[in-house]
C-alpha atoms as a PDB file:
ATOM      1  CA  MET A   1       9.376  -4.541   6.479  1.00  0.00           C
ATOM      2  CA  LYS A   2       6.514  -6.837   7.359  1.00  0.00           C
ATOM      3  CA  ASP A   3       4.926  -9.032   4.692  1.00  0.00           C
ATOM      4  CA  LEU A   4       1.154  -9.354   5.156  1.00  0.00           C
ATOM      5  CA  THR A   5      -1.276 -11.317   3.041  1.00  0.00           C
ATOM      6  CA  PRO A   6      -4.248  -9.220   1.943  1.00  0.00           C
ATOM      7  CA  THR A   7      -6.472 -10.738   4.643  1.00  0.00           C
ATOM      8  CA  GLN A   8      -3.806 -10.228   7.312  1.00  0.00           C
ATOM      9  CA  ALA A   9      -3.348  -6.627   6.130  1.00  0.00           C
ATOM     10  CA  TRP A  10      -7.084  -5.875   6.347  1.00  0.00           C
ATOM     11  CA  GLN A  11      -7.312  -7.412   9.824  1.00  0.00           C
ATOM     12  CA  TRP A  12      -4.156  -5.553  10.931  1.00  0.00           C
ATOM     13  CA  LEU A  13      -5.581  -2.251   9.669  1.00  0.00           C
ATOM     14  CA  GLN A  14      -8.791  -2.779  11.659  1.00  0.00           C
ATOM     15  CA  THR A  15      -7.025  -3.852  14.862  1.00  0.00           C
ATOM     16  CA  GLU A  16      -4.301  -1.198  14.742  1.00  0.00           C
ATOM     17  CA  SER A  17      -6.770   1.546  13.874  1.00  0.00           C
ATOM     18  CA  GLU A  18      -8.885   0.715  16.918  1.00  0.00           C
ATOM     19  CA  ARG A  19      -5.865   0.389  19.217  1.00  0.00           C
ATOM     20  CA  LEU A  20      -4.205   3.613  18.084  1.00  0.00           C
ATOM     21  CA  ARG A  21      -7.406   5.663  18.131  1.00  0.00           C
ATOM     22  CA  ALA A  22      -8.100   4.440  21.675  1.00  0.00           C
ATOM     23  CA  ALA A  23      -4.625   5.681  22.620  1.00  0.00           C
ATOM     24  CA  GLY A  24      -5.315   9.072  21.003  1.00  0.00           C
ATOM     25  CA  GLU A  25      -2.966   8.410  18.093  1.00  0.00           C
ATOM     26  CA  GLN A  26      -3.455   8.378  14.346  1.00  0.00           C
ATOM     27  CA  PRO A  27      -4.353   5.060  12.717  1.00  0.00           C
ATOM     28  CA  PRO A  28      -1.951   3.453  10.248  1.00  0.00           C
ATOM     29  CA  LEU A  29      -1.503   5.239   6.941  1.00  0.00           C
ATOM     30  CA  PHE A  30      -2.576   2.969   4.082  1.00  0.00           C
ATOM     31  CA  VAL A  31      -0.729   3.988   0.903  1.00  0.00           C
ATOM     32  CA  ASP A  32      -1.432   2.885  -2.666  1.00  0.00           C
ATOM     33  CA  VAL A  33       1.869   3.321  -4.517  1.00  0.00           C
ATOM     34  CA  ARG A  34       0.384   2.727  -7.976  1.00  0.00           C
ATOM     35  CA  MET A  35      -0.014   5.543 -10.462  1.00  0.00           C
ATOM     36  CA  GLU A  36      -3.172   7.521  -9.811  1.00  0.00           C
ATOM     37  CA  ILE A  37      -4.825   6.320 -13.016  1.00  0.00           C
ATOM     38  CA  GLU A  38      -4.297   2.674 -11.954  1.00  0.00           C
ATOM     39  CA  SER A  39      -5.784   3.299  -8.540  1.00  0.00           C
ATOM     40  CA  LEU A  40      -8.841   5.116  -9.896  1.00  0.00           C
ATOM     41  CA  TYR A  41      -9.740   2.890 -12.823  1.00  0.00           C
ATOM     42  CA  VAL A  42      -8.647  -0.575 -11.693  1.00  0.00           C
ATOM     43  CA  GLY A  43      -9.945  -0.140  -8.159  1.00  0.00           C
ATOM     44  CA  ARG A  44      -8.539   0.326  -4.676  1.00  0.00           C
ATOM     45  CA  PRO A  45      -9.235  -0.480  -1.050  1.00  0.00           C
ATOM     46  CA  PRO A  46     -11.381   2.060   0.813  1.00  0.00           C
ATOM     47  CA  GLY A  47      -9.512   4.681   2.802  1.00  0.00           C
ATOM     48  CA  VAL A  48      -6.234   4.278   0.935  1.00  0.00           C
ATOM     49  CA  GLU A  49      -4.109   7.353   0.114  1.00  0.00           C
ATOM     50  CA  ASN A  50      -2.556   7.440  -3.337  1.00  0.00           C
ATOM     51  CA  ILE A  51       1.140   8.381  -3.227  1.00  0.00           C
ATOM     52  CA  PRO A  52       2.690   6.998  -6.436  1.00  0.00           C
ATOM     53  CA  TRP A  53       6.103   5.323  -6.337  1.00  0.00           C
ATOM     54  CA  TYR A  54       6.475   6.665  -9.870  1.00  0.00           C
ATOM     55  CA  GLU A  55       4.166   8.439 -12.283  1.00  0.00           C
ATOM     56  CA  TYR A  56       3.641   8.732 -16.003  1.00  0.00           C
ATOM     57  CA  PRO A  57       5.389   9.745 -18.275  1.00  0.00           C
ATOM     58  CA  ASP A  58       8.777   9.257 -16.548  1.00  0.00           C
ATOM     59  CA  LEU A  59       7.985   5.934 -14.841  1.00  0.00           C
ATOM     60  CA  THR A  60      11.161   6.439 -12.814  1.00  0.00           C
ATOM     61  CA  PRO A  61      11.053   6.134  -9.020  1.00  0.00           C
ATOM     62  CA  ASP A  62      12.372   9.021  -6.945  1.00  0.00           C
ATOM     63  CA  PRO A  63      12.821   7.450  -3.480  1.00  0.00           C
ATOM     64  CA  ALA A  64      13.547  10.767  -1.731  1.00  0.00           C
ATOM     65  CA  ARG A  65      10.451  12.436  -3.229  1.00  0.00           C
ATOM     66  CA  PHE A  66       8.322   9.417  -2.334  1.00  0.00           C
ATOM     67  CA  ALA A  67       9.567   9.295   1.282  1.00  0.00           C
ATOM     68  CA  ALA A  68       8.996  13.049   1.672  1.00  0.00           C
ATOM     69  CA  ALA A  69       5.443  12.728   0.326  1.00  0.00           C
ATOM     70  CA  VAL A  70       4.662   9.843   2.685  1.00  0.00           C
ATOM     71  CA  GLU A  71       6.128  11.736   5.635  1.00  0.00           C
ATOM     72  CA  ALA A  72       4.050  14.819   4.769  1.00  0.00           C
ATOM     73  CA  GLU A  73       0.879  12.690   4.696  1.00  0.00           C
ATOM     74  CA  ALA A  74       1.795  10.604   7.764  1.00  0.00           C
ATOM     75  CA  GLY A  75       2.967  13.495   9.917  1.00  0.00           C
ATOM     76  CA  SER A  76       5.593  11.276  11.541  1.00  0.00           C
ATOM     77  CA  LYS A  77       8.066   8.581  10.589  1.00  0.00           C
ATOM     78  CA  GLU A  78       6.835   6.565  13.585  1.00  0.00           C
ATOM     79  CA  ARG A  79       3.288   6.252  12.259  1.00  0.00           C
ATOM     80  CA  PRO A  80       2.632   2.718  10.954  1.00  0.00           C
ATOM     81  CA  ILE A  81       2.585   2.563   7.151  1.00  0.00           C
ATOM     82  CA  LEU A  82       0.924  -0.123   5.008  1.00  0.00           C
ATOM     83  CA  LEU A  83       1.747  -0.188   1.294  1.00  0.00           C
ATOM     84  CA  ILE A  84      -0.185  -1.755  -1.594  1.00  0.00           C
ATOM     85  CA  CYS A  85       0.427  -1.862  -5.352  1.00  0.00           C
ATOM     86  CA  ARG A  86      -0.775  -4.072  -8.205  1.00  0.00           C
ATOM     87  CA  SER A  87       1.169  -7.251  -7.446  1.00  0.00           C
ATOM     88  CA  GLY A  88       3.356  -6.594  -4.400  1.00  0.00           C
ATOM     89  CA  LYS A  89       6.550  -5.772  -6.299  1.00  0.00           C
ATOM     90  CA  ARG A  90       6.603  -1.948  -6.256  1.00  0.00           C
ATOM     91  CA  THR A  91       5.797  -1.955  -2.559  1.00  0.00           C
ATOM     92  CA  ARG A  92       9.004  -3.868  -1.795  1.00  0.00           C
ATOM     93  CA  ASP A  93      11.139  -1.106  -3.311  1.00  0.00           C
ATOM     94  CA  ALA A  94       8.948   1.655  -1.881  1.00  0.00           C
ATOM     95  CA  GLY A  95       9.089   0.065   1.579  1.00  0.00           C
ATOM     96  CA  LYS A  96      12.869  -0.217   1.443  1.00  0.00           C
ATOM     97  CA  ALA A  97      13.046   3.475   0.518  1.00  0.00           C
ATOM     98  CA  LEU A  98      10.853   4.376   3.499  1.00  0.00           C
ATOM     99  CA  GLU A  99      12.969   2.313   5.882  1.00  0.00           C
ATOM    100  CA  ALA A 100      16.144   3.893   4.484  1.00  0.00           C
ATOM    101  CA  ALA A 101      14.536   7.297   5.123  1.00  0.00           C
ATOM    102  CA  GLY A 102      13.952   6.383   8.790  1.00  0.00           C
ATOM    103  CA  PHE A 103      10.379   5.074   8.883  1.00  0.00           C
ATOM    104  CA  SER A 104      10.158   2.608  11.747  1.00  0.00           C
ATOM    105  CA  ASP A 105       6.975   0.581  11.058  1.00  0.00           C
ATOM    106  CA  VAL A 106       6.475  -0.381   7.402  1.00  0.00           C
ATOM    107  CA  ALA A 107       4.429  -3.281   6.038  1.00  0.00           C
ATOM    108  CA  HIS A 108       3.259  -4.235   2.577  1.00  0.00           C
ATOM    109  CA  VAL A 109       0.491  -6.337   1.062  1.00  0.00           C
ATOM    110  CA  LEU A 110       1.816  -9.524  -0.507  1.00  0.00           C
ATOM    111  CA  HIS A 111       0.437 -10.038  -4.020  1.00  0.00           C
ATOM    112  CA  GLY A 112      -0.966  -6.487  -3.995  1.00  0.00           C
ATOM    113  CA  PHE A 113      -4.403  -5.475  -5.211  1.00  0.00           C
ATOM    114  CA  GLU A 114      -4.617  -7.605  -8.363  1.00  0.00           C
ATOM    115  CA  GLY A 115      -2.282 -10.490  -7.548  1.00  0.00           C
ATOM    116  CA  GLU A 116       0.081 -12.527  -9.658  1.00  0.00           C
ATOM    117  CA  LEU A 117      -0.490 -13.513 -13.273  1.00  0.00           C
ATOM    118  CA  ASN A 118      -2.031 -16.915 -13.930  1.00  0.00           C
ATOM    119  CA  ASP A 119      -1.034 -19.187 -16.848  1.00  0.00           C
ATOM    120  CA  GLU A 120      -3.290 -17.143 -19.139  1.00  0.00           C
ATOM    121  CA  PHE A 121      -1.625 -13.855 -18.060  1.00  0.00           C
ATOM    122  CA  LYS A 122      -4.680 -12.691 -16.103  1.00  0.00           C
ATOM    123  CA  ARG A 123      -4.664 -11.175 -12.633  1.00  0.00           C
ATOM    124  CA  SER A 124      -7.159 -11.455  -9.751  1.00  0.00           C
ATOM    125  CA  SER A 125      -7.466 -15.204 -10.325  1.00  0.00           C
ATOM    126  CA  LEU A 126      -4.759 -16.590  -8.004  1.00  0.00           C
ATOM    127  CA  ASN A 127      -4.304 -14.173  -5.127  1.00  0.00           C
ATOM    128  CA  GLY A 128      -4.401 -10.508  -4.189  1.00  0.00           C
ATOM    129  CA  TRP A 129      -6.721  -8.104  -2.389  1.00  0.00           C
ATOM    130  CA  ARG A 130      -9.567  -8.372  -4.891  1.00  0.00           C
ATOM    131  CA  PHE A 131      -9.226 -12.158  -5.216  1.00  0.00           C
ATOM    132  CA  GLU A 132      -9.595 -12.547  -1.424  1.00  0.00           C
ATOM    133  CA  GLY A 133     -12.899 -10.657  -1.534  1.00  0.00           C
ATOM    134  CA  LEU A 134     -11.772  -7.739   0.602  1.00  0.00           C
ATOM    135  CA  PRO A 135     -13.513  -4.344   0.388  1.00  0.00           C
ATOM    136  CA  TRP A 136     -12.645  -2.211  -2.635  1.00  0.00           C
ATOM    137  CA  GLU A 137     -14.053   0.597  -4.698  1.00  0.00           C
ATOM    138  CA  GLN A 138     -13.728   1.729  -8.281  1.00  0.00           C
ATOM    139  CA  MET A 139     -14.208   5.197  -9.711  1.00  0.00           C
END
Protein backbone atom coordinates (compact mmCIF):
# COMPACT_ATOMS: atom_id res chain seq x y z
CA MET A 1 0.00 0.00 0.00
CA LYS A 2 1.25 3.44 -0.92
CA ASP A 3 1.35 6.20 1.69
CA LEU A 4 0.45 9.61 0.22
CA THR A 5 0.29 12.93 2.00
CA PRO A 6 -2.99 14.74 1.37
CA THR A 7 -1.37 17.02 -1.23
CA GLN A 8 0.31 14.07 -2.95
CA ALA A 9 -3.01 12.19 -2.94
CA TRP A 10 -4.89 15.11 -4.53
CA GLN A 11 -2.21 15.53 -7.20
CA TRP A 12 -2.13 11.75 -7.83
CA LEU A 13 -5.92 11.68 -8.22
CA GLN A 14 -5.79 14.47 -10.82
CA THR A 15 -2.89 12.96 -12.78
CA GLU A 16 -4.15 9.38 -12.70
CA SER A 17 -7.69 10.42 -13.59
CA GLU A 18 -6.46 12.24 -16.69
CA ARG A 19 -4.11 9.42 -17.70
CA LEU A 20 -6.67 6.64 -17.23
CA ARG A 21 -9.50 8.52 -18.94
CA ALA A 22 -7.22 9.20 -21.91
CA ALA A 23 -6.59 5.45 -22.09
CA GLY A 24 -10.34 4.74 -21.97
CA GLU A 25 -10.19 3.37 -18.43
CA GLN A 26 -11.95 4.33 -15.23
CA PRO A 27 -10.22 6.86 -12.96
CA PRO A 28 -9.09 5.81 -9.49
CA LEU A 29 -11.82 5.06 -6.98
CA PHE A 30 -11.56 7.43 -4.02
CA VAL A 31 -13.10 5.78 -0.94
CA ASP A 32 -13.97 7.39 2.39
CA VAL A 33 -13.94 4.54 4.92
CA ARG A 34 -15.47 6.60 7.74
CA MET A 35 -19.01 6.01 8.91
CA GLU A 36 -21.51 7.80 6.71
CA ILE A 37 -22.48 10.24 9.45
CA GLU A 38 -18.82 11.29 9.86
CA SER A 39 -18.41 11.84 6.15
CA LEU A 40 -21.60 13.89 5.82
CA TYR A 41 -21.33 16.10 8.88
CA VAL A 42 -17.58 16.56 9.35
CA GLY A 43 -16.90 17.02 5.65
CA ARG A 44 -15.28 15.09 2.82
CA PRO A 45 -13.31 15.57 -0.37
CA PRO A 46 -15.39 16.04 -3.52
CA GLY A 47 -16.03 12.93 -5.58
CA VAL A 48 -15.31 10.49 -2.77
CA GLU A 49 -17.45 7.33 -2.39
CA ASN A 50 -18.44 6.40 1.14
CA ILE A 51 -17.84 2.71 1.88
CA PRO A 52 -17.51 2.41 5.68
CA TRP A 53 -14.85 0.16 7.19
CA TYR A 54 -17.34 -0.29 10.02
CA GLU A 55 -20.68 1.27 10.88
CA TYR A 56 -22.71 2.11 13.94
CA PRO A 57 -23.89 0.42 16.18
CA ASP A 58 -21.53 -2.58 15.84
CA LEU A 59 -18.33 -0.60 15.17
CA THR A 60 -16.73 -3.91 14.17
CA PRO A 61 -14.89 -4.20 10.85
CA ASP A 62 -15.91 -6.95 8.46
CA PRO A 63 -12.96 -7.11 6.02
CA ALA A 64 -14.69 -9.50 3.60
CA ARG A 65 -17.84 -7.33 3.43
CA PHE A 66 -15.72 -4.21 2.96
CA ALA A 67 -13.62 -5.74 0.16
CA ALA A 68 -16.77 -7.00 -1.60
CA ALA A 69 -18.36 -3.54 -1.39
CA VAL A 70 -15.24 -1.87 -2.79
CA GLU A 71 -15.01 -4.43 -5.59
CA ALA A 72 -18.69 -3.88 -6.47
CA GLU A 73 -18.10 -0.11 -6.69
CA ALA A 74 -14.72 -0.39 -8.46
CA GLY A 75 -15.77 -3.03 -10.97
CA SER A 76 -12.29 -4.56 -10.88
CA LYS A 77 -9.57 -5.38 -8.38
CA GLU A 78 -7.06 -3.79 -10.77
CA ARG A 79 -8.65 -0.35 -10.58
CA PRO A 80 -6.52 2.02 -8.46
CA ILE A 81 -8.04 2.65 -5.03
CA LEU A 82 -7.34 5.63 -2.75
CA LEU A 83 -8.58 5.45 0.84
CA ILE A 84 -9.22 8.26 3.34
CA CYS A 85 -10.52 8.28 6.92
CA ARG A 86 -10.35 10.74 9.82
CA SER A 87 -6.69 10.37 10.78
CA GLY A 88 -5.14 7.73 8.52
CA LYS A 89 -5.48 4.81 10.94
CA ARG A 90 -8.61 3.01 9.66
CA THR A 91 -7.31 3.22 6.11
CA ARG A 92 -4.24 1.16 7.05
CA ASP A 93 -6.41 -1.77 8.16
CA ALA A 94 -8.87 -1.29 5.30
CA GLY A 95 -6.02 -1.17 2.77
CA LYS A 96 -4.48 -4.35 4.16
CA ALA A 97 -7.87 -6.05 3.83
CA LEU A 98 -8.13 -4.94 0.19
CA GLU A 99 -4.64 -6.20 -0.60
CA ALA A 100 -5.40 -9.52 1.11
CA ALA A 101 -8.52 -9.74 -1.08
CA GLY A 102 -6.40 -9.31 -4.23
CA PHE A 103 -6.57 -5.59 -4.99
CA SER A 104 -3.38 -4.66 -6.81
CA ASP A 105 -3.14 -0.85 -6.51
CA VAL A 106 -4.10 0.53 -3.08
CA ALA A 107 -3.02 3.84 -1.55
CA HIS A 108 -4.13 5.78 1.49
CA VAL A 109 -4.04 9.38 2.68
CA LEU A 110 -1.60 9.88 5.53
CA HIS A 111 -3.18 11.81 8.41
CA GLY A 112 -6.61 11.43 6.79
CA PHE A 113 -9.21 14.16 6.48
CA GLU A 114 -8.88 15.75 9.93
CA GLY A 115 -5.30 14.89 10.87
CA GLU A 116 -3.67 14.03 14.15
CA LEU A 117 -4.61 15.48 17.52
CA ASN A 118 -2.63 18.47 18.75
CA ASP A 119 -1.64 19.03 22.41
CA GLU A 120 -5.13 20.40 23.09
CA PHE A 121 -6.79 17.29 21.56
CA LYS A 122 -8.01 19.18 18.49
CA ARG A 123 -7.77 18.00 14.90
CA SER A 124 -7.21 19.93 11.64
CA SER A 125 -4.46 21.98 13.29
CA LEU A 126 -1.34 19.91 12.51
CA ASN A 127 -1.94 18.01 9.29
CA GLY A 128 -4.61 16.30 7.22
CA TRP A 129 -6.66 17.01 4.11
CA ARG A 130 -8.54 19.98 5.55
CA PHE A 131 -5.42 21.44 7.19
CA GLU A 132 -3.61 21.42 3.82
CA GLY A 133 -6.41 23.48 2.27
CA LEU A 134 -7.50 20.87 -0.24
CA PRO A 135 -11.03 20.89 -1.70
CA TRP A 136 -13.78 19.57 0.56
CA GLU A 137 -17.50 19.82 1.05
CA GLN A 138 -19.86 19.51 3.98
CA MET A 139 -23.52 18.55 3.97
